[in-house]
Amino acid sequence: QVQPVESGGGLVQPGGSLRLSCEASGSIFSGITMGWYRQAPGKQRELVARITSLGTSNYADSVKGRFTISRDHARNTAYLQMTSLKPEDTAVYYCNTVPSPPWRPGYWGQGTQVTVSS
């Protein structure tokens, strides 16, 4: 199983923006829907955005209008542009296929930490 590699997280003030990137070696996302997930401390992992191989996207209500998912097939890379960030967006963000694979070593990357705080 090839693990994706997430990057771009950091500390940002409320109202700020970040752009997350997800690189996948090989073609693990080729031709399938992929998504961005997040997990905050003490909470279950949730899918916040997904995008099909044809570019159709969907968002969780909590991020709709603020987050934009995109993908570059040639580079096997996906992105999550996050704007108007709120403290409740604080979480570790992961990318992976939709439906998600098992939560076991080898299927998920390290994730990237996003902290929204003043």
C-alpha atoms as a PDB file:
ATOM      1  CA  GLN A   1       0.000   0.000   0.000  1.00  0.00           C
ATOM      2  CA  VAL A   2       1.375   3.429  -0.954  1.00  0.00           C
ATOM      3  CA  GLN A   3       0.952   6.141   1.621  1.00  0.00           C
ATOM      4  CA  PRO A   4       0.097   9.693   0.648  1.00  0.00           C
ATOM      5  CA  VAL A   5       2.248  12.537   1.966  1.00  0.00           C
ATOM      6  CA  GLU A   6       0.465  15.594   3.312  1.00  0.00           C
ATOM      7  CA  SER A   7       2.028  19.018   3.812  1.00  0.00           C
ATOM      8  CA  GLY A   8       1.194  22.687   4.201  1.00  0.00           C
ATOM      9  CA  GLY A   9      -0.228  22.799   7.687  1.00  0.00           C
ATOM     10  CA  GLY A  10       0.755  25.269  10.359  1.00  0.00           C
ATOM     11  CA  LEU A  11      -0.375  27.834  12.879  1.00  0.00           C
ATOM     12  CA  VAL A  12      -2.705  30.510  11.558  1.00  0.00           C
ATOM     13  CA  GLN A  13      -4.895  33.161  13.125  1.00  0.00           C
ATOM     14  CA  PRO A  14      -8.676  32.998  12.843  1.00  0.00           C
ATOM     15  CA  GLY A  15      -9.733  34.311   9.464  1.00  0.00           C
ATOM     16  CA  GLY A  16      -6.477  33.250   7.866  1.00  0.00           C
ATOM     17  CA  SER A  17      -5.781  30.854   5.016  1.00  0.00           C
ATOM     18  CA  LEU A  18      -3.704  27.783   4.331  1.00  0.00           C
ATOM     19  CA  ARG A  19      -3.177  25.527   1.360  1.00  0.00           C
ATOM     20  CA  LEU A  20      -2.621  21.848   2.005  1.00  0.00           C
ATOM     21  CA  SER A  21      -0.988  19.511  -0.487  1.00  0.00           C
ATOM     22  CA  CYS A  22      -1.140  15.760  -0.813  1.00  0.00           C
ATOM     23  CA  GLU A  23       1.334  13.853  -2.942  1.00  0.00           C
ATOM     24  CA  ALA A  24       0.847  10.243  -3.866  1.00  0.00           C
ATOM     25  CA  SER A  25       3.563   8.198  -5.477  1.00  0.00           C
ATOM     26  CA  GLY A  26       2.535   5.950  -8.282  1.00  0.00           C
ATOM     27  CA  SER A  27      -1.117   6.268  -9.219  1.00  0.00           C
ATOM     28  CA  ILE A  28      -2.970   5.378  -6.059  1.00  0.00           C
ATOM     29  CA  PHE A  29      -5.517   8.107  -6.681  1.00  0.00           C
ATOM     30  CA  SER A  30      -5.761   7.630 -10.412  1.00  0.00           C
ATOM     31  CA  GLY A  31      -9.320   7.329 -11.634  1.00  0.00           C
ATOM     32  CA  ILE A  32     -10.914   7.313  -8.200  1.00  0.00           C
ATOM     33  CA  THR A  33     -12.472   9.727  -5.769  1.00  0.00           C
ATOM     34  CA  MET A  34     -10.140  11.112  -3.162  1.00  0.00           C
ATOM     35  CA  GLY A  35     -10.761  13.285  -0.181  1.00  0.00           C
ATOM     36  CA  TRP A  36      -9.415  15.307   2.688  1.00  0.00           C
ATOM     37  CA  TYR A  37     -10.173  14.093   6.189  1.00  0.00           C
ATOM     38  CA  ARG A  38      -9.472  15.669   9.545  1.00  0.00           C
ATOM     39  CA  GLN A  39      -9.314  14.492  13.115  1.00  0.00           C
ATOM     40  CA  ALA A  40      -9.426  16.820  16.063  1.00  0.00           C
ATOM     41  CA  PRO A  41      -8.374  15.705  19.559  1.00  0.00           C
ATOM     42  CA  GLY A  42     -11.061  13.592  21.147  1.00  0.00           C
ATOM     43  CA  LYS A  43     -13.167  13.510  18.003  1.00  0.00           C
ATOM     44  CA  GLN A  44     -13.765  11.022  15.238  1.00  0.00           C
ATOM     45  CA  ARG A  45     -12.073  11.442  11.891  1.00  0.00           C
ATOM     46  CA  GLU A  46     -14.371  13.171   9.416  1.00  0.00           C
ATOM     47  CA  LEU A  47     -14.392  13.659   5.675  1.00  0.00           C
ATOM     48  CA  VAL A  48     -14.436  17.388   4.918  1.00  0.00           C
ATOM     49  CA  ALA A  49     -14.053  17.430   1.131  1.00  0.00           C
ATOM     50  CA  ARG A  50     -14.025  14.980  -1.731  1.00  0.00           C
ATOM     51  CA  ILE A  51     -13.366  15.201  -5.445  1.00  0.00           C
ATOM     52  CA  THR A  52     -14.062  12.678  -8.169  1.00  0.00           C
ATOM     53  CA  SER A  53     -11.684  11.811 -10.984  1.00  0.00           C
ATOM     54  CA  LEU A  54     -13.767  14.088 -13.221  1.00  0.00           C
ATOM     55  CA  GLY A  55     -13.474  17.003 -10.820  1.00  0.00           C
ATOM     56  CA  THR A  56     -16.861  17.010  -9.120  1.00  0.00           C
ATOM     57  CA  SER A  57     -16.448  18.121  -5.525  1.00  0.00           C
ATOM     58  CA  ASN A  58     -18.493  17.910  -2.349  1.00  0.00           C
ATOM     59  CA  TYR A  59     -17.983  19.441   1.076  1.00  0.00           C
ATOM     60  CA  ALA A  60     -19.064  18.953   4.633  1.00  0.00           C
ATOM     61  CA  ASP A  61     -21.475  21.638   5.758  1.00  0.00           C
ATOM     62  CA  SER A  62     -18.937  22.875   8.292  1.00  0.00           C
ATOM     63  CA  VAL A  63     -16.464  23.910   5.580  1.00  0.00           C
ATOM     64  CA  LYS A  64     -18.727  24.662   2.630  1.00  0.00           C
ATOM     65  CA  GLY A  65     -17.929  28.035   1.102  1.00  0.00           C
ATOM     66  CA  ARG A  66     -14.565  28.246   2.881  1.00  0.00           C
ATOM     67  CA  PHE A  67     -12.598  25.235   1.619  1.00  0.00           C
ATOM     68  CA  THR A  68     -11.839  24.269  -1.977  1.00  0.00           C
ATOM     69  CA  ILE A  69     -10.512  20.884  -3.033  1.00  0.00           C
ATOM     70  CA  SER A  70      -8.657  20.369  -6.299  1.00  0.00           C
ATOM     71  CA  ARG A  71      -6.391  17.793  -7.886  1.00  0.00           C
ATOM     72  CA  ASP A  72      -3.653  17.572 -10.483  1.00  0.00           C
ATOM     73  CA  HIS A  73      -3.783  14.185 -12.172  1.00  0.00           C
ATOM     74  CA  ALA A  74      -0.450  14.613 -13.955  1.00  0.00           C
ATOM     75  CA  ARG A  75       1.308  15.194 -10.628  1.00  0.00           C
ATOM     76  CA  ASN A  76      -0.771  12.741  -8.564  1.00  0.00           C
ATOM     77  CA  THR A  77      -1.361  15.628  -6.198  1.00  0.00           C
ATOM     78  CA  ALA A  78      -4.419  16.957  -4.431  1.00  0.00           C
ATOM     79  CA  TYR A  79      -4.891  20.276  -2.705  1.00  0.00           C
ATOM     80  CA  LEU A  80      -7.134  21.805  -0.089  1.00  0.00           C
ATOM     81  CA  GLN A  81      -7.363  25.589  -0.095  1.00  0.00           C
ATOM     82  CA  MET A  82      -8.700  26.717   3.261  1.00  0.00           C
ATOM     83  CA  THR A  83      -9.901  30.260   3.876  1.00  0.00           C
ATOM     84  CA  SER A  84     -11.711  32.050   6.696  1.00  0.00           C
ATOM     85  CA  LEU A  85     -10.261  29.527   9.104  1.00  0.00           C
ATOM     86  CA  LYS A  86     -11.889  29.076  12.483  1.00  0.00           C
ATOM     87  CA  PRO A  87     -10.555  27.624  15.743  1.00  0.00           C
ATOM     88  CA  GLU A  88     -12.841  24.626  15.223  1.00  0.00           C
ATOM     89  CA  ASP A  89     -10.896  23.805  12.049  1.00  0.00           C
ATOM     90  CA  THR A  90      -7.942  22.855  14.246  1.00  0.00           C
ATOM     91  CA  ALA A  91      -7.101  19.218  13.523  1.00  0.00           C
ATOM     92  CA  VAL A  92      -4.690  16.880  11.811  1.00  0.00           C
ATOM     93  CA  TYR A  93      -5.593  16.760   8.134  1.00  0.00           C
ATOM     94  CA  TYR A  94      -5.144  13.648   6.004  1.00  0.00           C
ATOM     95  CA  CYS A  95      -5.838  12.804   2.400  1.00  0.00           C
ATOM     96  CA  ASN A  96      -6.851   9.434   1.069  1.00  0.00           C
ATOM     97  CA  THR A  97      -9.270   7.592  -1.137  1.00  0.00           C
ATOM     98  CA  VAL A  98     -13.034   7.754  -0.705  1.00  0.00           C
ATOM     99  CA  PRO A  99     -14.256   5.410   0.724  1.00  0.00           C
ATOM    100  CA  SER A 100     -11.377   5.481   3.158  1.00  0.00           C
ATOM    101  CA  PRO A 101      -9.059   2.526   3.659  1.00  0.00           C
ATOM    102  CA  PRO A 102      -8.693   0.830   7.043  1.00  0.00           C
ATOM    103  CA  TRP A 103      -7.194   2.974   9.804  1.00  0.00           C
ATOM    104  CA  ARG A 104      -4.060   0.856  10.002  1.00  0.00           C
ATOM    105  CA  PRO A 105      -0.328   1.489   9.504  1.00  0.00           C
ATOM    106  CA  GLY A 106       0.612   1.580   5.860  1.00  0.00           C
ATOM    107  CA  TYR A 107      -2.683   2.966   4.635  1.00  0.00           C
ATOM    108  CA  TRP A 108      -2.469   6.535   5.888  1.00  0.00           C
ATOM    109  CA  GLY A 109       0.166   9.236   5.830  1.00  0.00           C
ATOM    110  CA  GLN A 110       1.402  11.256   8.788  1.00  0.00           C
ATOM    111  CA  GLY A 111      -1.101  13.982   8.166  1.00  0.00           C
ATOM    112  CA  THR A 112      -0.442  17.689   8.573  1.00  0.00           C
ATOM    113  CA  GLN A 113      -1.366  19.694  11.664  1.00  0.00           C
ATOM    114  CA  VAL A 114      -3.525  22.765  11.242  1.00  0.00           C
ATOM    115  CA  THR A 115      -3.895  24.990  14.293  1.00  0.00           C
ATOM    116  CA  VAL A 116      -6.141  28.023  14.198  1.00  0.00           C
ATOM    117  CA  SER A 117      -5.520  30.253  17.170  1.00  0.00           C
ATOM    118  CA  SER A 118      -4.914  33.864  18.062  1.00  0.00           C
END
